[in-house]
N, C-alpha and C. Protein backbone atom coordinates (compact mmCIF):
# COMPACT_ATOMS: atom_id res chain seq x y z
N MET A 1 0.86 -1.18 0.00
CA MET A 1 0.00 0.00 0.00
C MET A 1 0.89 1.23 0.00
N LYS A 2 0.62 2.14 -0.94
CA LYS A 2 1.43 3.35 -1.08
C LYS A 2 0.57 4.58 -0.79
N PRO A 3 0.93 5.39 0.19
CA PRO A 3 0.17 6.60 0.46
C PRO A 3 0.34 7.62 -0.67
N LEU A 4 -0.78 8.15 -1.16
CA LEU A 4 -0.74 9.19 -2.19
C LEU A 4 -0.99 10.57 -1.60
N GLY A 5 -1.38 10.62 -0.32
CA GLY A 5 -1.58 11.89 0.35
C GLY A 5 -3.01 12.33 0.41
N ALA A 6 -3.18 13.60 0.74
CA ALA A 6 -4.51 14.19 0.89
C ALA A 6 -5.08 14.57 -0.47
N PHE A 7 -6.34 14.20 -0.68
CA PHE A 7 -7.08 14.54 -1.89
C PHE A 7 -8.39 15.20 -1.50
N LYS A 8 -8.92 16.03 -2.38
CA LYS A 8 -10.26 16.56 -2.23
C LYS A 8 -11.21 15.52 -2.81
N ALA A 9 -12.21 15.10 -2.04
CA ALA A 9 -13.17 14.10 -2.50
C ALA A 9 -14.55 14.74 -2.66
N THR A 10 -15.15 14.49 -3.82
CA THR A 10 -16.51 14.91 -4.10
C THR A 10 -17.30 13.66 -4.49
N ALA A 11 -18.57 13.85 -4.84
CA ALA A 11 -19.42 12.70 -5.15
C ALA A 11 -20.26 12.97 -6.39
N TYR A 12 -20.57 11.87 -7.11
CA TYR A 12 -21.47 11.98 -8.26
C TYR A 12 -22.37 10.75 -8.32
N CYS A 13 -23.39 10.83 -9.14
CA CYS A 13 -24.37 9.75 -9.28
C CYS A 13 -24.73 9.61 -10.76
N PRO A 14 -25.62 8.67 -11.12
CA PRO A 14 -25.93 8.46 -12.53
C PRO A 14 -26.92 9.45 -13.14
N CYS A 15 -27.31 10.50 -12.41
CA CYS A 15 -28.32 11.42 -12.94
C CYS A 15 -27.72 12.36 -14.00
N SER A 16 -28.59 13.00 -14.74
CA SER A 16 -28.14 13.89 -15.82
C SER A 16 -27.42 15.13 -15.27
N ARG A 17 -27.74 15.57 -14.05
CA ARG A 17 -27.05 16.72 -13.47
C ARG A 17 -25.60 16.40 -13.16
N CYS A 18 -25.34 15.18 -12.71
CA CYS A 18 -23.97 14.79 -12.35
C CYS A 18 -23.16 14.32 -13.55
N CYS A 19 -23.80 13.63 -14.48
CA CYS A 19 -23.06 12.97 -15.57
C CYS A 19 -23.32 13.56 -16.96
N GLY A 20 -24.18 14.56 -17.04
CA GLY A 20 -24.48 15.12 -18.36
C GLY A 20 -25.63 14.41 -19.04
N ARG A 21 -25.73 13.10 -18.81
CA ARG A 21 -26.88 12.33 -19.29
C ARG A 21 -27.06 11.14 -18.36
N ALA A 22 -28.28 10.79 -18.07
CA ALA A 22 -28.57 9.71 -17.13
C ALA A 22 -28.09 8.37 -17.68
N GLY A 23 -27.58 7.54 -16.80
CA GLY A 23 -27.18 6.19 -17.17
C GLY A 23 -25.90 6.08 -17.97
N ALA A 24 -25.07 7.10 -17.95
CA ALA A 24 -23.83 7.09 -18.74
C ALA A 24 -22.84 6.06 -18.20
N LYS A 25 -22.10 5.44 -19.10
CA LYS A 25 -21.02 4.53 -18.71
C LYS A 25 -19.78 5.36 -18.37
N THR A 26 -18.82 4.72 -17.73
CA THR A 26 -17.57 5.38 -17.40
C THR A 26 -16.72 5.51 -18.67
N CYS A 27 -15.65 6.27 -18.58
CA CYS A 27 -14.77 6.43 -19.74
C CYS A 27 -14.06 5.13 -20.10
N THR A 28 -14.01 4.18 -19.17
CA THR A 28 -13.40 2.88 -19.46
C THR A 28 -14.43 1.87 -19.97
N GLY A 29 -15.70 2.32 -20.10
CA GLY A 29 -16.75 1.46 -20.66
C GLY A 29 -17.51 0.62 -19.66
N THR A 30 -17.24 0.81 -18.37
CA THR A 30 -17.96 0.04 -17.35
C THR A 30 -19.22 0.78 -16.91
N VAL A 31 -20.12 0.04 -16.29
CA VAL A 31 -21.28 0.65 -15.64
C VAL A 31 -20.83 1.00 -14.23
N PRO A 32 -20.93 2.28 -13.85
CA PRO A 32 -20.44 2.66 -12.51
C PRO A 32 -21.26 2.01 -11.40
N ARG A 33 -20.56 1.67 -10.30
CA ARG A 33 -21.19 1.04 -9.15
C ARG A 33 -20.77 1.74 -7.87
N ALA A 34 -21.72 1.87 -6.95
CA ALA A 34 -21.44 2.46 -5.64
C ALA A 34 -20.46 1.57 -4.89
N ASN A 35 -19.64 2.17 -4.05
CA ASN A 35 -18.61 1.47 -3.27
C ASN A 35 -17.62 0.74 -4.16
N HIS A 36 -17.47 1.21 -5.40
CA HIS A 36 -16.53 0.57 -6.32
C HIS A 36 -15.90 1.60 -7.27
N THR A 37 -16.72 2.38 -7.97
CA THR A 37 -16.24 3.27 -9.03
C THR A 37 -15.82 4.62 -8.48
N ILE A 38 -14.68 5.08 -8.99
CA ILE A 38 -14.18 6.40 -8.62
C ILE A 38 -13.63 7.07 -9.87
N SER A 39 -13.83 8.37 -9.94
CA SER A 39 -13.31 9.17 -11.05
C SER A 39 -12.04 9.86 -10.58
N VAL A 40 -11.00 9.82 -11.42
CA VAL A 40 -9.69 10.36 -11.06
C VAL A 40 -9.09 11.16 -12.21
N ASP A 41 -8.02 11.84 -11.93
CA ASP A 41 -7.20 12.46 -12.96
C ASP A 41 -6.16 11.41 -13.36
N PRO A 42 -6.24 10.86 -14.59
CA PRO A 42 -5.33 9.78 -14.97
C PRO A 42 -3.86 10.19 -15.02
N ARG A 43 -3.57 11.49 -14.96
CA ARG A 43 -2.17 11.92 -14.88
C ARG A 43 -1.62 11.68 -13.48
N ILE A 44 -2.51 11.56 -12.49
CA ILE A 44 -2.13 11.35 -11.10
C ILE A 44 -2.33 9.88 -10.70
N VAL A 45 -3.47 9.32 -11.10
CA VAL A 45 -3.82 7.93 -10.75
C VAL A 45 -4.18 7.20 -12.04
N PRO A 46 -3.44 6.17 -12.41
CA PRO A 46 -3.74 5.42 -13.64
C PRO A 46 -5.11 4.72 -13.58
N MET A 47 -5.79 4.68 -14.72
CA MET A 47 -7.06 3.96 -14.80
C MET A 47 -6.84 2.50 -14.40
N GLY A 48 -7.79 1.96 -13.68
CA GLY A 48 -7.70 0.58 -13.22
C GLY A 48 -7.06 0.42 -11.86
N SER A 49 -6.48 1.50 -11.34
CA SER A 49 -5.84 1.43 -10.02
C SER A 49 -6.88 1.18 -8.94
N LYS A 50 -6.45 0.48 -7.90
CA LYS A 50 -7.28 0.25 -6.71
C LYS A 50 -6.83 1.24 -5.65
N LEU A 51 -7.80 2.01 -5.13
CA LEU A 51 -7.50 3.03 -4.13
C LEU A 51 -8.26 2.74 -2.85
N LEU A 52 -7.62 2.91 -1.71
CA LEU A 52 -8.26 2.77 -0.41
C LEU A 52 -8.54 4.16 0.12
N ILE A 53 -9.83 4.42 0.39
CA ILE A 53 -10.26 5.71 0.93
C ILE A 53 -11.28 5.44 2.03
N ASP A 54 -10.99 5.89 3.23
CA ASP A 54 -11.91 5.71 4.37
C ASP A 54 -12.38 4.27 4.52
N GLY A 55 -11.49 3.31 4.34
CA GLY A 55 -11.81 1.92 4.54
C GLY A 55 -12.50 1.22 3.39
N VAL A 56 -12.75 1.92 2.29
CA VAL A 56 -13.40 1.34 1.11
C VAL A 56 -12.38 1.27 -0.03
N VAL A 57 -12.37 0.15 -0.74
CA VAL A 57 -11.48 -0.01 -1.90
C VAL A 57 -12.28 0.34 -3.15
N TYR A 58 -11.80 1.34 -3.88
CA TYR A 58 -12.43 1.81 -5.11
C TYR A 58 -11.53 1.46 -6.30
N THR A 59 -12.14 1.40 -7.48
CA THR A 59 -11.38 1.18 -8.71
C THR A 59 -11.49 2.44 -9.56
N ALA A 60 -10.36 2.95 -10.02
CA ALA A 60 -10.33 4.13 -10.89
C ALA A 60 -10.83 3.73 -12.27
N GLU A 61 -12.10 4.03 -12.55
CA GLU A 61 -12.74 3.64 -13.81
C GLU A 61 -13.24 4.82 -14.63
N ASP A 62 -13.14 6.02 -14.08
CA ASP A 62 -13.74 7.16 -14.76
C ASP A 62 -12.87 8.39 -14.59
N GLN A 63 -13.09 9.36 -15.46
CA GLN A 63 -12.45 10.67 -15.34
C GLN A 63 -13.47 11.70 -15.75
N GLY A 64 -13.34 12.89 -15.22
CA GLY A 64 -14.28 13.95 -15.55
C GLY A 64 -13.56 15.26 -15.74
N SER A 65 -14.23 16.18 -16.39
CA SER A 65 -13.59 17.47 -16.67
C SER A 65 -13.28 18.23 -15.38
N GLY A 66 -14.03 17.97 -14.31
CA GLY A 66 -13.79 18.66 -13.04
C GLY A 66 -12.86 17.92 -12.11
N VAL A 67 -12.33 16.78 -12.56
CA VAL A 67 -11.45 15.99 -11.71
C VAL A 67 -10.02 16.20 -12.19
N ASN A 68 -9.36 17.15 -11.55
CA ASN A 68 -7.99 17.52 -11.93
C ASN A 68 -7.09 17.51 -10.72
N GLY A 69 -5.89 16.98 -10.90
CA GLY A 69 -4.92 16.96 -9.82
C GLY A 69 -5.31 16.00 -8.73
N LYS A 70 -5.08 16.39 -7.50
CA LYS A 70 -5.33 15.53 -6.35
C LYS A 70 -6.79 15.67 -5.91
N LYS A 71 -7.66 15.17 -6.78
CA LYS A 71 -9.10 15.19 -6.53
C LYS A 71 -9.66 13.86 -6.98
N VAL A 72 -10.64 13.33 -6.24
CA VAL A 72 -11.37 12.13 -6.64
C VAL A 72 -12.86 12.43 -6.56
N ASP A 73 -13.63 11.77 -7.42
CA ASP A 73 -15.07 11.91 -7.45
C ASP A 73 -15.63 10.50 -7.26
N ILE A 74 -16.33 10.28 -6.15
CA ILE A 74 -16.81 8.95 -5.77
C ILE A 74 -18.24 8.76 -6.26
N PHE A 75 -18.50 7.60 -6.87
CA PHE A 75 -19.83 7.30 -7.41
C PHE A 75 -20.77 6.80 -6.31
N PHE A 76 -21.98 7.36 -6.30
CA PHE A 76 -23.07 6.93 -5.41
C PHE A 76 -24.29 6.58 -6.25
N ASN A 77 -25.20 5.78 -5.69
CA ASN A 77 -26.38 5.33 -6.43
C ASN A 77 -27.41 6.42 -6.69
N SER A 78 -27.47 7.43 -5.83
CA SER A 78 -28.51 8.47 -5.98
C SER A 78 -27.92 9.86 -5.76
N HIS A 79 -28.63 10.84 -6.31
CA HIS A 79 -28.21 12.23 -6.15
C HIS A 79 -28.26 12.64 -4.68
N LYS A 80 -29.25 12.14 -3.97
CA LYS A 80 -29.38 12.45 -2.54
C LYS A 80 -28.15 11.96 -1.76
N GLU A 81 -27.69 10.74 -2.07
CA GLU A 81 -26.49 10.20 -1.40
C GLU A 81 -25.25 11.02 -1.75
N ALA A 82 -25.14 11.41 -3.01
CA ALA A 82 -24.00 12.21 -3.45
C ALA A 82 -23.98 13.56 -2.74
N LEU A 83 -25.14 14.20 -2.64
CA LEU A 83 -25.22 15.49 -1.94
C LEU A 83 -24.89 15.33 -0.46
N ARG A 84 -25.36 14.23 0.14
CA ARG A 84 -25.09 13.97 1.55
C ARG A 84 -23.59 13.80 1.80
N TYR A 85 -22.87 13.17 0.86
CA TYR A 85 -21.44 12.99 1.01
C TYR A 85 -20.72 14.33 1.00
N GLY A 86 -21.15 15.21 0.11
CA GLY A 86 -20.58 16.55 0.05
C GLY A 86 -19.15 16.58 -0.45
N VAL A 87 -18.34 17.43 0.17
CA VAL A 87 -16.93 17.60 -0.18
C VAL A 87 -16.10 17.34 1.08
N LYS A 88 -15.07 16.51 0.93
CA LYS A 88 -14.24 16.16 2.07
C LYS A 88 -12.77 16.15 1.66
N ASN A 89 -11.92 16.27 2.62
CA ASN A 89 -10.49 16.02 2.42
C ASN A 89 -10.22 14.63 2.96
N VAL A 90 -9.64 13.77 2.12
CA VAL A 90 -9.42 12.37 2.49
C VAL A 90 -7.98 11.97 2.21
N GLN A 91 -7.52 10.96 2.91
CA GLN A 91 -6.22 10.36 2.65
C GLN A 91 -6.44 9.21 1.66
N VAL A 92 -5.63 9.17 0.62
CA VAL A 92 -5.78 8.17 -0.44
C VAL A 92 -4.54 7.27 -0.46
N TYR A 93 -4.79 5.96 -0.58
CA TYR A 93 -3.73 4.98 -0.62
C TYR A 93 -3.87 4.14 -1.89
N LEU A 94 -2.78 3.95 -2.59
CA LEU A 94 -2.75 3.13 -3.79
C LEU A 94 -2.48 1.69 -3.40
N LEU A 95 -3.40 0.79 -3.77
CA LEU A 95 -3.22 -0.63 -3.47
C LEU A 95 -2.55 -1.36 -4.62
N GLN A 96 -2.86 -0.97 -5.85
CA GLN A 96 -2.23 -1.58 -7.04
C GLN A 96 -2.37 -0.67 -8.23
């Protein structure tokens, strides 16, 4: 496990407000899943990497125009859950 340091964490969901269109696939072609999919800046974290954040292991499967530098965007099932998560500063660890 390699510490990557502090990142700004935000949240998104499958709705059109978060993704531009409802039901969109990730940039890697997967269907995003809660407690699994995370959006990253591929210049910082390679696609397919496993990241440990707050005890949950996520897979870097997506990237977004607002995800730059040391920022991650965590996928949630609903807009309400994404809003509840809000914005946090988290420690990120690279597992693979």
